[in-house]
C-alpha atoms as a PDB file:
ATOM      1  CA  MET A   1     105.600 126.492 108.699  1.00  0.00           C
ATOM      2  CA  MET A   2     108.723 125.841 106.701  1.00  0.00           C
ATOM      3  CA  SER A   3     111.667 128.113 107.333  1.00  0.00           C
ATOM      4  CA  ALA A   4     113.377 130.157 104.368  1.00  0.00           C
ATOM      5  CA  ASN A   5     116.505 127.995 104.440  1.00  0.00           C
ATOM      6  CA  GLN A   6     114.726 124.912 103.913  1.00  0.00           C
ATOM      7  CA  THR A   7     114.568 123.759  99.947  1.00  0.00           C
ATOM      8  CA  VAL A   8     111.620 122.521  98.861  1.00  0.00           C
ATOM      9  CA  VAL A   9     111.456 118.827  97.153  1.00  0.00           C
ATOM     10  CA  THR A  10     110.079 119.190  93.592  1.00  0.00           C
ATOM     11  CA  GLU A  11     110.842 115.552  92.617  1.00  0.00           C
ATOM     12  CA  PHE A  12     111.467 112.192  94.172  1.00  0.00           C
ATOM     13  CA  VAL A  13     113.669 109.393  93.225  1.00  0.00           C
ATOM     14  CA  LEU A  14     112.298 105.963  92.878  1.00  0.00           C
ATOM     15  CA  LEU A  15     115.094 103.583  94.258  1.00  0.00           C
ATOM     16  CA  GLY A  16     113.371 100.293  92.469  1.00  0.00           C
ATOM     17  CA  LEU A  17     113.775  96.904  93.842  1.00  0.00           C
ATOM     18  CA  SER A  18     117.273  96.649  93.484  1.00  0.00           C
ATOM     19  CA  GLU A  19     120.487  98.628  93.017  1.00  0.00           C
ATOM     20  CA  THR A  20     122.570  96.061  90.903  1.00  0.00           C
ATOM     21  CA  TRP A  21     122.060  96.351  86.910  1.00  0.00           C
ATOM     22  CA  GLU A  22     121.733  92.242  86.522  1.00  0.00           C
ATOM     23  CA  VAL A  23     119.011  92.066  89.184  1.00  0.00           C
ATOM     24  CA  GLN A  24     117.123  95.263  87.666  1.00  0.00           C
ATOM     25  CA  LEU A  25     117.286  93.427  84.206  1.00  0.00           C
ATOM     26  CA  ILE A  26     115.682  90.263  85.701  1.00  0.00           C
ATOM     27  CA  LEU A  27     113.358  92.462  87.433  1.00  0.00           C
ATOM     28  CA  PHE A  28     112.315  94.334  84.455  1.00  0.00           C
ATOM     29  CA  VAL A  29     111.732  91.061  82.272  1.00  0.00           C
ATOM     30  CA  VAL A  30     109.676  89.729  85.218  1.00  0.00           C
ATOM     31  CA  PHE A  31     107.629  92.635  85.315  1.00  0.00           C
ATOM     32  CA  LEU A  32     107.110  92.723  81.836  1.00  0.00           C
ATOM     33  CA  LEU A  33     105.679  89.277  81.538  1.00  0.00           C
ATOM     34  CA  LEU A  34     103.537  89.868  84.483  1.00  0.00           C
ATOM     35  CA  TYR A  35     101.925  93.150  83.245  1.00  0.00           C
ATOM     36  CA  ILE A  36     101.253  91.404  79.793  1.00  0.00           C
ATOM     37  CA  GLY A  37      99.916  88.605  81.614  1.00  0.00           C
ATOM     38  CA  THR A  38      97.802  90.429  83.727  1.00  0.00           C
ATOM     39  CA  LEU A  39      96.691  92.481  80.578  1.00  0.00           C
ATOM     40  CA  PHE A  40      95.747  89.456  78.707  1.00  0.00           C
ATOM     41  CA  SER A  41      93.822  87.714  81.274  1.00  0.00           C
ATOM     42  CA  ASN A  42      91.861  90.647  82.543  1.00  0.00           C
ATOM     43  CA  ILE A  43      90.898  91.877  79.025  1.00  0.00           C
ATOM     44  CA  LEU A  44      89.945  88.358  77.926  1.00  0.00           C
ATOM     45  CA  ILE A  45      87.935  87.487  81.061  1.00  0.00           C
ATOM     46  CA  PHE A  46      86.185  91.282  80.824  1.00  0.00           C
ATOM     47  CA  SER A  47      85.465  90.632  77.231  1.00  0.00           C
ATOM     48  CA  ALA A  48      84.216  87.045  77.839  1.00  0.00           C
ATOM     49  CA  ILE A  49      81.841  88.080  80.005  1.00  0.00           C
ATOM     50  CA  PHE A  50      80.187  90.976  78.629  1.00  0.00           C
ATOM     51  CA  ARG A  51      80.015  89.604  75.159  1.00  0.00           C
ATOM     52  CA  ASP A  52      77.896  86.777  76.540  1.00  0.00           C
ATOM     53  CA  GLN A  53      74.464  88.213  77.421  1.00  0.00           C
ATOM     54  CA  ARG A  54      73.990  85.064  79.693  1.00  0.00           C
ATOM     55  CA  LEU A  55      77.124  85.776  81.748  1.00  0.00           C
ATOM     56  CA  SER A  56      76.838  89.480  81.684  1.00  0.00           C
ATOM     57  CA  ASP A  57      73.118  89.256  83.040  1.00  0.00           C
ATOM     58  CA  SER A  58      74.401  86.714  86.152  1.00  0.00           C
ATOM     59  CA  PRO A  59      75.104  89.520  89.037  1.00  0.00           C
ATOM     60  CA  MET A  60      78.250  86.870  89.945  1.00  0.00           C
ATOM     61  CA  PHE A  61      79.615  87.179  86.700  1.00  0.00           C
ATOM     62  CA  PHE A  62      78.933  90.862  86.205  1.00  0.00           C
ATOM     63  CA  LEU A  63      81.013  91.647  89.395  1.00  0.00           C
ATOM     64  CA  LEU A  64      83.848  89.511  88.344  1.00  0.00           C
ATOM     65  CA  GLY A  65      83.692  91.366  85.302  1.00  0.00           C
ATOM     66  CA  GLN A  66      84.411  94.470  87.536  1.00  0.00           C
ATOM     67  CA  LEU A  67      87.065  92.985  89.133  1.00  0.00           C
ATOM     68  CA  ALA A  68      89.137  92.257  85.851  1.00  0.00           C
ATOM     69  CA  PHE A  69      88.595  95.858  85.195  1.00  0.00           C
ATOM     70  CA  GLN A  70      89.810  97.230  88.497  1.00  0.00           C
ATOM     71  CA  ASP A  71      92.870  94.705  88.419  1.00  0.00           C
ATOM     72  CA  LEU A  72      93.705  96.248  84.932  1.00  0.00           C
ATOM     73  CA  CYS A  73      93.508  99.664  86.851  1.00  0.00           C
ATOM     74  CA  LEU A  74      95.578  98.632  89.834  1.00  0.00           C
ATOM     75  CA  SER A  75      98.464  97.205  87.556  1.00  0.00           C
ATOM     76  CA  SER A  76      98.594  99.797  85.390  1.00  0.00           C
ATOM     77  CA  PHE A  77      98.756 102.830  87.607  1.00  0.00           C
ATOM     78  CA  ALA A  78     102.663 102.007  88.484  1.00  0.00           C
ATOM     79  CA  ILE A  79     104.230  99.206  86.185  1.00  0.00           C
ATOM     80  CA  PRO A  80     104.169 100.805  82.862  1.00  0.00           C
ATOM     81  CA  ARG A  81     106.024 103.772  84.090  1.00  0.00           C
ATOM     82  CA  SER A  82     108.357 101.530  86.054  1.00  0.00           C
ATOM     83  CA  LEU A  83     109.146  99.772  82.985  1.00  0.00           C
ATOM     84  CA  PHE A  84     109.642 102.822  81.229  1.00  0.00           C
ATOM     85  CA  ASP A  85     111.922 104.490  83.712  1.00  0.00           C
ATOM     86  CA  TYR A  86     114.160 101.311  83.173  1.00  0.00           C
ATOM     87  CA  VAL A  87     114.623 101.534  79.684  1.00  0.00           C
ATOM     88  CA  ALA A  88     115.056 105.313  80.025  1.00  0.00           C
ATOM     89  CA  LYS A  89     117.556 105.064  82.798  1.00  0.00           C
ATOM     90  CA  CYS A  90     115.409 107.524  84.679  1.00  0.00           C
ATOM     91  CA  HIS A  91     114.315 107.188  87.935  1.00  0.00           C
ATOM     92  CA  ALA A  92     112.962 110.637  88.874  1.00  0.00           C
ATOM     93  CA  ILE A  93     109.338 111.414  89.506  1.00  0.00           C
ATOM     94  CA  SER A  94     107.674 114.785  89.827  1.00  0.00           C
ATOM     95  CA  PHE A  95     106.335 116.081  93.185  1.00  0.00           C
ATOM     96  CA  ASP A  96     102.699 116.005  91.162  1.00  0.00           C
ATOM     97  CA  GLY A  97     103.608 112.524  89.819  1.00  0.00           C
ATOM     98  CA  CYS A  98     103.920 111.029  93.164  1.00  0.00           C
ATOM     99  CA  MET A  99     100.983 112.608  94.782  1.00  0.00           C
ATOM    100  CA  ALA A 100      99.185 111.010  91.825  1.00  0.00           C
ATOM    101  CA  GLN A 101     100.490 107.847  92.476  1.00  0.00           C
ATOM    102  CA  ILE A 102      99.599 107.807  95.731  1.00  0.00           C
ATOM    103  CA  PHE A 103      96.154 108.604  95.171  1.00  0.00           C
ATOM    104  CA  PHE A 104      95.457 106.484  92.505  1.00  0.00           C
ATOM    105  CA  VAL A 105      96.863 103.133  94.489  1.00  0.00           C
ATOM    106  CA  HIS A 106      94.491 103.852  97.279  1.00  0.00           C
ATOM    107  CA  LEU A 107      91.771 104.689  95.014  1.00  0.00           C
ATOM    108  CA  PHE A 108      92.055 101.307  93.038  1.00  0.00           C
ATOM    109  CA  THR A 109      92.924  99.197  96.153  1.00  0.00           C
ATOM    110  CA  GLY A 110      90.201 100.976  98.634  1.00  0.00           C
ATOM    111  CA  SER A 111      87.416 100.325  95.682  1.00  0.00           C
ATOM    112  CA  GLU A 112      88.794  96.530  95.161  1.00  0.00           C
ATOM    113  CA  MET A 113      88.480  95.951  98.709  1.00  0.00           C
ATOM    114  CA  LEU A 114      84.711  97.092  98.541  1.00  0.00           C
ATOM    115  CA  LEU A 115      83.987  95.263  95.414  1.00  0.00           C
ATOM    116  CA  LEU A 116      85.496  92.230  97.124  1.00  0.00           C
ATOM    117  CA  VAL A 117      82.832  92.803  99.808  1.00  0.00           C
ATOM    118  CA  ALA A 118      80.105  93.203  97.216  1.00  0.00           C
ATOM    119  CA  MET A 119      81.283  89.794  95.550  1.00  0.00           C
ATOM    120  CA  ALA A 120      80.960  88.358  99.078  1.00  0.00           C
ATOM    121  CA  TYR A 121      77.469  89.804  99.769  1.00  0.00           C
ATOM    122  CA  ASP A 122      76.643  88.524  96.450  1.00  0.00           C
ATOM    123  CA  ARG A 123      77.631  85.082  97.081  1.00  0.00           C
ATOM    124  CA  TYR A 124      75.652  85.332 100.793  1.00  0.00           C
ATOM    125  CA  ILE A 125      72.411  86.325  99.258  1.00  0.00           C
ATOM    126  CA  ALA A 126      72.778  83.653  96.757  1.00  0.00           C
ATOM    127  CA  ILE A 127      73.246  80.616  99.035  1.00  0.00           C
ATOM    128  CA  CYS A 128      71.886  81.725 102.381  1.00  0.00           C
ATOM    129  CA  HIS A 129      68.695  83.377 101.017  1.00  0.00           C
ATOM    130  CA  PRO A 130      68.376  82.220  97.409  1.00  0.00           C
ATOM    131  CA  LEU A 131      64.378  83.128  97.587  1.00  0.00           C
ATOM    132  CA  HIS A 132      65.537  86.609  97.546  1.00  0.00           C
ATOM    133  CA  TYR A 133      68.224  86.600  95.385  1.00  0.00           C
ATOM    134  CA  VAL A 134      66.826  87.992  92.050  1.00  0.00           C
ATOM    135  CA  SER A 135      64.983  91.080  93.928  1.00  0.00           C
ATOM    136  CA  LEU A 136      68.226  91.838  96.222  1.00  0.00           C
ATOM    137  CA  MET A 137      70.659  91.540  93.460  1.00  0.00           C
ATOM    138  CA  SER A 138      69.054  93.018  90.555  1.00  0.00           C
ATOM    139  CA  ARG A 139      71.042  94.674  87.603  1.00  0.00           C
ATOM    140  CA  HIS A 140      69.967  98.134  89.628  1.00  0.00           C
ATOM    141  CA  HIS A 141      71.341  96.931  92.860  1.00  0.00           C
ATOM    142  CA  CYS A 142      74.717  95.513  91.163  1.00  0.00           C
ATOM    143  CA  ILE A 143      75.438  98.774  89.333  1.00  0.00           C
ATOM    144  CA  GLY A 144      74.649 100.605  92.787  1.00  0.00           C
ATOM    145  CA  LEU A 145      77.336  98.323  94.457  1.00  0.00           C
ATOM    146  CA  VAL A 146      79.897  98.765  91.689  1.00  0.00           C
ATOM    147  CA  LEU A 147      79.448 102.644  91.886  1.00  0.00           C
ATOM    148  CA  ALA A 148      79.629 102.525  95.832  1.00  0.00           C
ATOM    149  CA  SER A 149      82.782 100.589  95.742  1.00  0.00           C
ATOM    150  CA  TRP A 150      84.225 103.383  93.109  1.00  0.00           C
ATOM    151  CA  ALA A 151      82.802 106.241  95.628  1.00  0.00           C
ATOM    152  CA  GLY A 152      84.391 104.543  98.651  1.00  0.00           C
ATOM    153  CA  GLY A 153      87.913 104.189  96.851  1.00  0.00           C
ATOM    154  CA  LEU A 154      87.452 107.860  95.433  1.00  0.00           C
ATOM    155  CA  LEU A 155      86.831 109.285  99.183  1.00  0.00           C
ATOM    156  CA  HIS A 156      89.730 106.726 100.716  1.00  0.00           C
ATOM    157  CA  GLY A 157      92.140 107.733  98.014  1.00  0.00           C
ATOM    158  CA  THR A 158      91.030 111.729  98.548  1.00  0.00           C
ATOM    159  CA  VAL A 159      91.607 111.344 102.371  1.00  0.00           C
ATOM    160  CA  GLN A 160      95.095 109.570 102.028  1.00  0.00           C
ATOM    161  CA  LEU A 161      96.265 112.448  99.192  1.00  0.00           C
ATOM    162  CA  ALA A 162      95.201 115.053 102.079  1.00  0.00           C
ATOM    163  CA  PHE A 163      96.889 113.641 104.502  1.00  0.00           C
ATOM    164  CA  ILE A 164     100.265 113.942 102.606  1.00  0.00           C
ATOM    165  CA  ILE A 165      99.662 116.963  99.747  1.00  0.00           C
ATOM    166  CA  ASN A 166     100.267 120.043 102.308  1.00  0.00           C
ATOM    167  CA  VAL A 167     103.099 117.979 104.393  1.00  0.00           C
ATOM    168  CA  PRO A 168     106.527 119.932 103.695  1.00  0.00           C
ATOM    169  CA  PHE A 169     109.340 117.940 102.310  1.00  0.00           C
ATOM    170  CA  CYS A 170     112.791 119.629 102.150  1.00  0.00           C
ATOM    171  CA  GLY A 171     115.634 117.041 102.444  1.00  0.00           C
ATOM    172  CA  PRO A 172     115.863 113.210 101.528  1.00  0.00           C
ATOM    173  CA  ASN A 173     113.595 112.491  98.332  1.00  0.00           C
ATOM    174  CA  GLN A 174     114.597 108.751  97.480  1.00  0.00           C
ATOM    175  CA  VAL A 175     111.883 106.296  97.793  1.00  0.00           C
ATOM    176  CA  ASP A 176     112.806 102.854  98.335  1.00  0.00           C
ATOM    177  CA  SER A 177     110.200 101.110  96.127  1.00  0.00           C
ATOM    178  CA  PHE A 178     109.593 101.106  92.607  1.00  0.00           C
ATOM    179  CA  PHE A 179     106.133 103.339  93.035  1.00  0.00           C
ATOM    180  CA  CYS A 180     105.330 106.142  95.676  1.00  0.00           C
ATOM    181  CA  ASP A 181     103.559 104.637  98.313  1.00  0.00           C
ATOM    182  CA  LEU A 182     102.499 106.373 101.165  1.00  0.00           C
ATOM    183  CA  PRO A 183     104.466 104.812 104.289  1.00  0.00           C
ATOM    184  CA  LEU A 184     107.578 105.431 102.225  1.00  0.00           C
ATOM    185  CA  VAL A 185     106.887 109.082 101.095  1.00  0.00           C
ATOM    186  CA  ILE A 186     105.655 109.879 104.781  1.00  0.00           C
ATOM    187  CA  LYS A 187     109.162 108.991 106.141  1.00  0.00           C
ATOM    188  CA  LEU A 188     110.738 111.742 103.916  1.00  0.00           C
ATOM    189  CA  ALA A 189     108.672 114.672 105.616  1.00  0.00           C
ATOM    190  CA  CYS A 190     110.621 117.333 107.382  1.00  0.00           C
ATOM    191  CA  ILE A 191     107.955 117.112 110.418  1.00  0.00           C
ATOM    192  CA  ASP A 192     107.265 114.504 113.364  1.00  0.00           C
ATOM    193  CA  THR A 193     105.763 111.624 111.136  1.00  0.00           C
ATOM    194  CA  TYR A 194     104.114 109.898 113.824  1.00  0.00           C
ATOM    195  CA  PRO A 195     100.883 111.778 113.523  1.00  0.00           C
ATOM    196  CA  LEU A 196     100.415 111.152 109.852  1.00  0.00           C
ATOM    197  CA  GLU A 197     101.540 107.883 110.491  1.00  0.00           C
ATOM    198  CA  VAL A 198      98.468 107.266 113.103  1.00  0.00           C
ATOM    199  CA  MET A 199      96.211 108.848 110.500  1.00  0.00           C
ATOM    200  CA  MET A 200      97.068 106.428 107.630  1.00  0.00           C
ATOM    201  CA  VAL A 201      96.787 103.816 109.848  1.00  0.00           C
ATOM    202  CA  THR A 202      93.475 104.487 111.081  1.00  0.00           C
ATOM    203  CA  ASN A 203      92.351 105.025 107.247  1.00  0.00           C
ATOM    204  CA  SER A 204      94.119 102.497 105.243  1.00  0.00           C
ATOM    205  CA  GLY A 205      94.625  99.865 108.178  1.00  0.00           C
ATOM    206  CA  ILE A 206      90.891 100.127 109.542  1.00  0.00           C
ATOM    207  CA  LEU A 207      89.341 100.109 106.072  1.00  0.00           C
ATOM    208  CA  SER A 208      91.672  97.019 105.166  1.00  0.00           C
ATOM    209  CA  LEU A 209      90.893  95.375 108.525  1.00  0.00           C
ATOM    210  CA  VAL A 210      86.930  96.065 108.855  1.00  0.00           C
ATOM    211  CA  SER A 211      86.730  95.017 105.167  1.00  0.00           C
ATOM    212  CA  PHE A 212      88.524  91.600 105.711  1.00  0.00           C
ATOM    213  CA  ILE A 213      86.686  90.895 108.794  1.00  0.00           C
ATOM    214  CA  GLY A 214      83.307  91.442 106.948  1.00  0.00           C
ATOM    215  CA  LEU A 215      84.514  89.068 104.295  1.00  0.00           C
ATOM    216  CA  LEU A 216      85.378  86.201 106.521  1.00  0.00           C
ATOM    217  CA  ILE A 217      82.375  86.875 108.676  1.00  0.00           C
ATOM    218  CA  SER A 218      79.945  86.459 105.349  1.00  0.00           C
ATOM    219  CA  TYR A 219      82.214  83.343 103.982  1.00  0.00           C
ATOM    220  CA  GLY A 220      81.702  81.676 107.271  1.00  0.00           C
ATOM    221  CA  PHE A 221      78.104  82.168 107.031  1.00  0.00           C
ATOM    222  CA  ILE A 222      78.177  80.911 103.590  1.00  0.00           C
ATOM    223  CA  LEU A 223      80.252  77.804 104.511  1.00  0.00           C
ATOM    224  CA  TYR A 224      78.259  77.070 107.440  1.00  0.00           C
ATOM    225  CA  THR A 225      74.999  77.261 105.279  1.00  0.00           C
ATOM    226  CA  ILE A 226      76.672  74.837 102.749  1.00  0.00           C
ATOM    227  CA  ARG A 227      77.633  72.317 105.460  1.00  0.00           C
ATOM    228  CA  SER A 228      74.176  72.300 107.073  1.00  0.00           C
ATOM    229  CA  ARG A 229      72.742  71.148 103.502  1.00  0.00           C
ATOM    230  CA  GLY A 230      74.763  68.074 103.128  1.00  0.00           C
ATOM    231  CA  PRO A 231      76.641  67.347 100.020  1.00  0.00           C
ATOM    232  CA  SER A 232      74.807  67.754  96.403  1.00  0.00           C
ATOM    233  CA  GLU A 233      76.317  69.149  93.525  1.00  0.00           C
ATOM    234  CA  GLY A 234      75.281  72.503  94.145  1.00  0.00           C
ATOM    235  CA  THR A 235      76.537  72.906  97.587  1.00  0.00           C
ATOM    236  CA  THR A 236      79.986  71.526  96.130  1.00  0.00           C
ATOM    237  CA  LYS A 237      79.911  73.915  93.200  1.00  0.00           C
ATOM    238  CA  ALA A 238      79.015  76.663  96.051  1.00  0.00           C
ATOM    239  CA  ALA A 239      81.934  75.691  98.098  1.00  0.00           C
ATOM    240  CA  SER A 240      84.618  75.656  95.303  1.00  0.00           C
ATOM    241  CA  THR A 241      83.102  79.189  94.441  1.00  0.00           C
ATOM    242  CA  CYS A 242      83.548  80.551  97.963  1.00  0.00           C
ATOM    243  CA  THR A 243      87.180  78.791  98.441  1.00  0.00           C
ATOM    244  CA  SER A 244      88.354  80.567  95.261  1.00  0.00           C
ATOM    245  CA  HIS A 245      86.957  84.090  96.654  1.00  0.00           C
ATOM    246  CA  LEU A 246      88.876  83.273  99.757  1.00  0.00           C
ATOM    247  CA  ILE A 247      91.880  82.671  98.476  1.00  0.00           C
ATOM    248  CA  VAL A 248      92.067  86.122  96.273  1.00  0.00           C
ATOM    249  CA  VAL A 249      90.497  87.970  99.490  1.00  0.00           C
ATOM    250  CA  THR A 250      93.463  86.127 101.512  1.00  0.00           C
ATOM    251  CA  MET A 251      96.195  87.356  98.807  1.00  0.00           C
ATOM    252  CA  TYR A 252      94.922  90.834  98.438  1.00  0.00           C
ATOM    253  CA  PHE A 253      94.138  91.810 101.881  1.00  0.00           C
ATOM    254  CA  GLY A 254      97.283  90.046 103.396  1.00  0.00           C
ATOM    255  CA  PRO A 255     100.030  92.392 102.189  1.00  0.00           C
ATOM    256  CA  CYS A 256      97.691  95.620 102.842  1.00  0.00           C
ATOM    257  CA  LEU A 257      97.320  94.736 106.367  1.00  0.00           C
ATOM    258  CA  PHE A 258     100.637  93.823 106.922  1.00  0.00           C
ATOM    259  CA  ILE A 259     102.230  97.060 105.146  1.00  0.00           C
ATOM    260  CA  TYR A 260      99.722  99.592 106.391  1.00  0.00           C
ATOM    261  CA  LEU A 261      99.054  98.108 110.118  1.00  0.00           C
ATOM    262  CA  ARG A 262     102.774  98.746 111.281  1.00  0.00           C
ATOM    263  CA  PRO A 263     103.892 101.491 109.132  1.00  0.00           C
ATOM    264  CA  SER A 264     107.021 102.665 111.418  1.00  0.00           C
ATOM    265  CA  ALA A 265     108.792  99.412 111.010  1.00  0.00           C
ATOM    266  CA  ARG A 266     110.139  98.834 107.376  1.00  0.00           C
ATOM    267  CA  PHE A 267     111.283  95.410 106.151  1.00  0.00           C
ATOM    268  CA  MET A 268     112.559  94.003 103.262  1.00  0.00           C
ATOM    269  CA  ILE A 269     109.238  91.846 103.009  1.00  0.00           C
ATOM    270  CA  ASP A 270     107.391  95.298 102.270  1.00  0.00           C
ATOM    271  CA  LYS A 271     108.846  95.592  98.726  1.00  0.00           C
ATOM    272  CA  VAL A 272     107.933  91.767  97.882  1.00  0.00           C
ATOM    273  CA  LEU A 273     104.308  92.554  99.326  1.00  0.00           C
ATOM    274  CA  CYS A 274     104.202  95.889  97.394  1.00  0.00           C
ATOM    275  CA  VAL A 275     104.852  94.016  94.188  1.00  0.00           C
ATOM    276  CA  PHE A 276     102.548  91.208  95.095  1.00  0.00           C
ATOM    277  CA  TYR A 277      99.520  93.368  95.455  1.00  0.00           C
ATOM    278  CA  THR A 278     100.074  95.731  92.651  1.00  0.00           C
ATOM    279  CA  CYS A 279     101.731  93.362  89.940  1.00  0.00           C
ATOM    280  CA  VAL A 280     100.978  89.466  91.372  1.00  0.00           C
ATOM    281  CA  THR A 281      97.663  89.686  92.589  1.00  0.00           C
ATOM    282  CA  PRO A 282      95.933  91.249  89.438  1.00  0.00           C
ATOM    283  CA  LEU A 283      97.152  88.074  87.337  1.00  0.00           C
ATOM    284  CA  LEU A 284      96.039  85.655  90.008  1.00  0.00           C
ATOM    285  CA  ASN A 285      92.607  86.885  90.295  1.00  0.00           C
ATOM    286  CA  PRO A 286      91.102  86.075  87.045  1.00  0.00           C
ATOM    287  CA  ALA A 287      93.362  82.921  86.975  1.00  0.00           C
ATOM    288  CA  ILE A 288      91.782  81.551  90.096  1.00  0.00           C
ATOM    289  CA  TYR A 289      88.045  82.673  89.543  1.00  0.00           C
ATOM    290  CA  ALA A 290      87.727  81.621  85.862  1.00  0.00           C
ATOM    291  CA  LEU A 291      89.779  78.318  86.173  1.00  0.00           C
ATOM    292  CA  LYS A 292      87.464  76.991  88.848  1.00  0.00           C
ATOM    293  CA  ASN A 293      84.461  77.864  86.868  1.00  0.00           C
ATOM    294  CA  LYS A 294      82.919  76.178  84.117  1.00  0.00           C
ATOM    295  CA  GLU A 295      80.631  78.634  82.520  1.00  0.00           C
ATOM    296  CA  MET A 296      83.677  80.975  82.416  1.00  0.00           C
ATOM    297  CA  LYS A 297      86.075  78.807  81.245  1.00  0.00           C
ATOM    298  CA  ALA A 298      83.229  77.865  78.369  1.00  0.00           C
ATOM    299  CA  ALA A 299      82.892  81.541  77.520  1.00  0.00           C
ATOM    300  CA  ILE A 300      86.716  82.323  77.263  1.00  0.00           C
ATOM    301  CA  GLY A 301      86.982  79.156  75.297  1.00  0.00           C
ATOM    302  CA  SER A 302      84.228  80.385  72.916  1.00  0.00           C
ATOM    303  CA  LEU A 303      85.717  83.825  72.728  1.00  0.00           C
ATOM    304  CA  LEU A 304      89.223  82.437  71.741  1.00  0.00           C
ATOM    305  CA  ALA A 305      87.965  80.135  69.141  1.00  0.00           C
ATOM    306  CA  ARG A 306      85.669  83.441  67.730  1.00  0.00           C
ATOM    307  CA  LEU A 307      89.010  85.564  67.599  1.00  0.00           C
ATOM    308  CA  SER A 308      91.211  82.506  65.962  1.00  0.00           C
ATOM    309  CA  GLY A 309      88.228  82.173  63.362  1.00  0.00           C
ATOM    310  CA  GLN A 310      88.618  85.776  62.661  1.00  0.00           C
ATOM    311  CA  VAL A 311      92.445  86.037  62.676  1.00  0.00           C
ATOM    312  CA  SER A 312      92.205  82.602  60.156  1.00  0.00           C
ATOM    313  CA  ALA A 313      89.612  84.332  57.977  1.00  0.00           C
ATOM    314  CA  GLN A 314      91.463  87.496  57.527  1.00  0.00           C
ATOM    315  CA  ARG A 315      94.831  85.616  56.497  1.00  0.00           C
ATOM    316  CA  ARG A 316      92.749  83.670  53.616  1.00  0.00           C
ATOM    317  CA  HIS A 317      91.319  86.786  52.747  1.00  0.00           C
ATOM    318  CA  HIS A 318      94.695  88.500  52.426  1.00  0.00           C
ATOM    319  CA  HIS A 319      96.305  85.388  50.462  1.00  0.00           C
END
């Protein structure tokens, strides 16, 4: 129980990534460019897939479209607010706003982890059990996998929020990042934080680790199957797809595992990794998947051509 002379924290102060004005200005420009790039590339991929019936009917591209949507969500929960805070010269966030950020970062990261597992499962069935692919990866099954990933993310976010929502905060309220992340906010609690950190590692760290190991095993089976079949155009394409998947998986899980499996120690690199998995990975995901895939490049090209054609037609109409 909190004693009567303890003041309750009603807001937190986000310290951002730097205290000097010049560095903050550079970071503002970098964040703005990253966010614009993330919005443009993910909306482009999402639109290209779901405007092309052939692509949206393919389980692999259907799941890739969902990944683009989740990357939009992940990049939007904190960056726009951070940009606004810089312009408004205001770095305070309400207690409820901070709790909301904790919930949403775990909702989106948890569901994206599970979606990456679903994408690995899709490739595993396609390459290792091609005869069962149509039945195992039907549209109903794909929608089920996507809903399961969101449900898992929702459960994960709710559990993380339940850890922290009733913890007493009575003193320091400065969060050493540009958004409220659980390892940083736990540090500010007025109680012994060790049990909370153990629960956080058990929840976030173990979810990340189990998902990552599962992904590595499934891609291991895939690459073994590809090697055992000998070189051909199909196996080369499959190997290329799996390589791009593995790059994304490593970029995504690496920072999460590093931050959540050793919460008691804080390093400057943690700030960099927070930026990486909330800002950089959502931008790189579509680039890595799309640029290594001929169908995706063709769909994006036709969409851009259609859009530029519409723009030029509107200009002619106005003149």
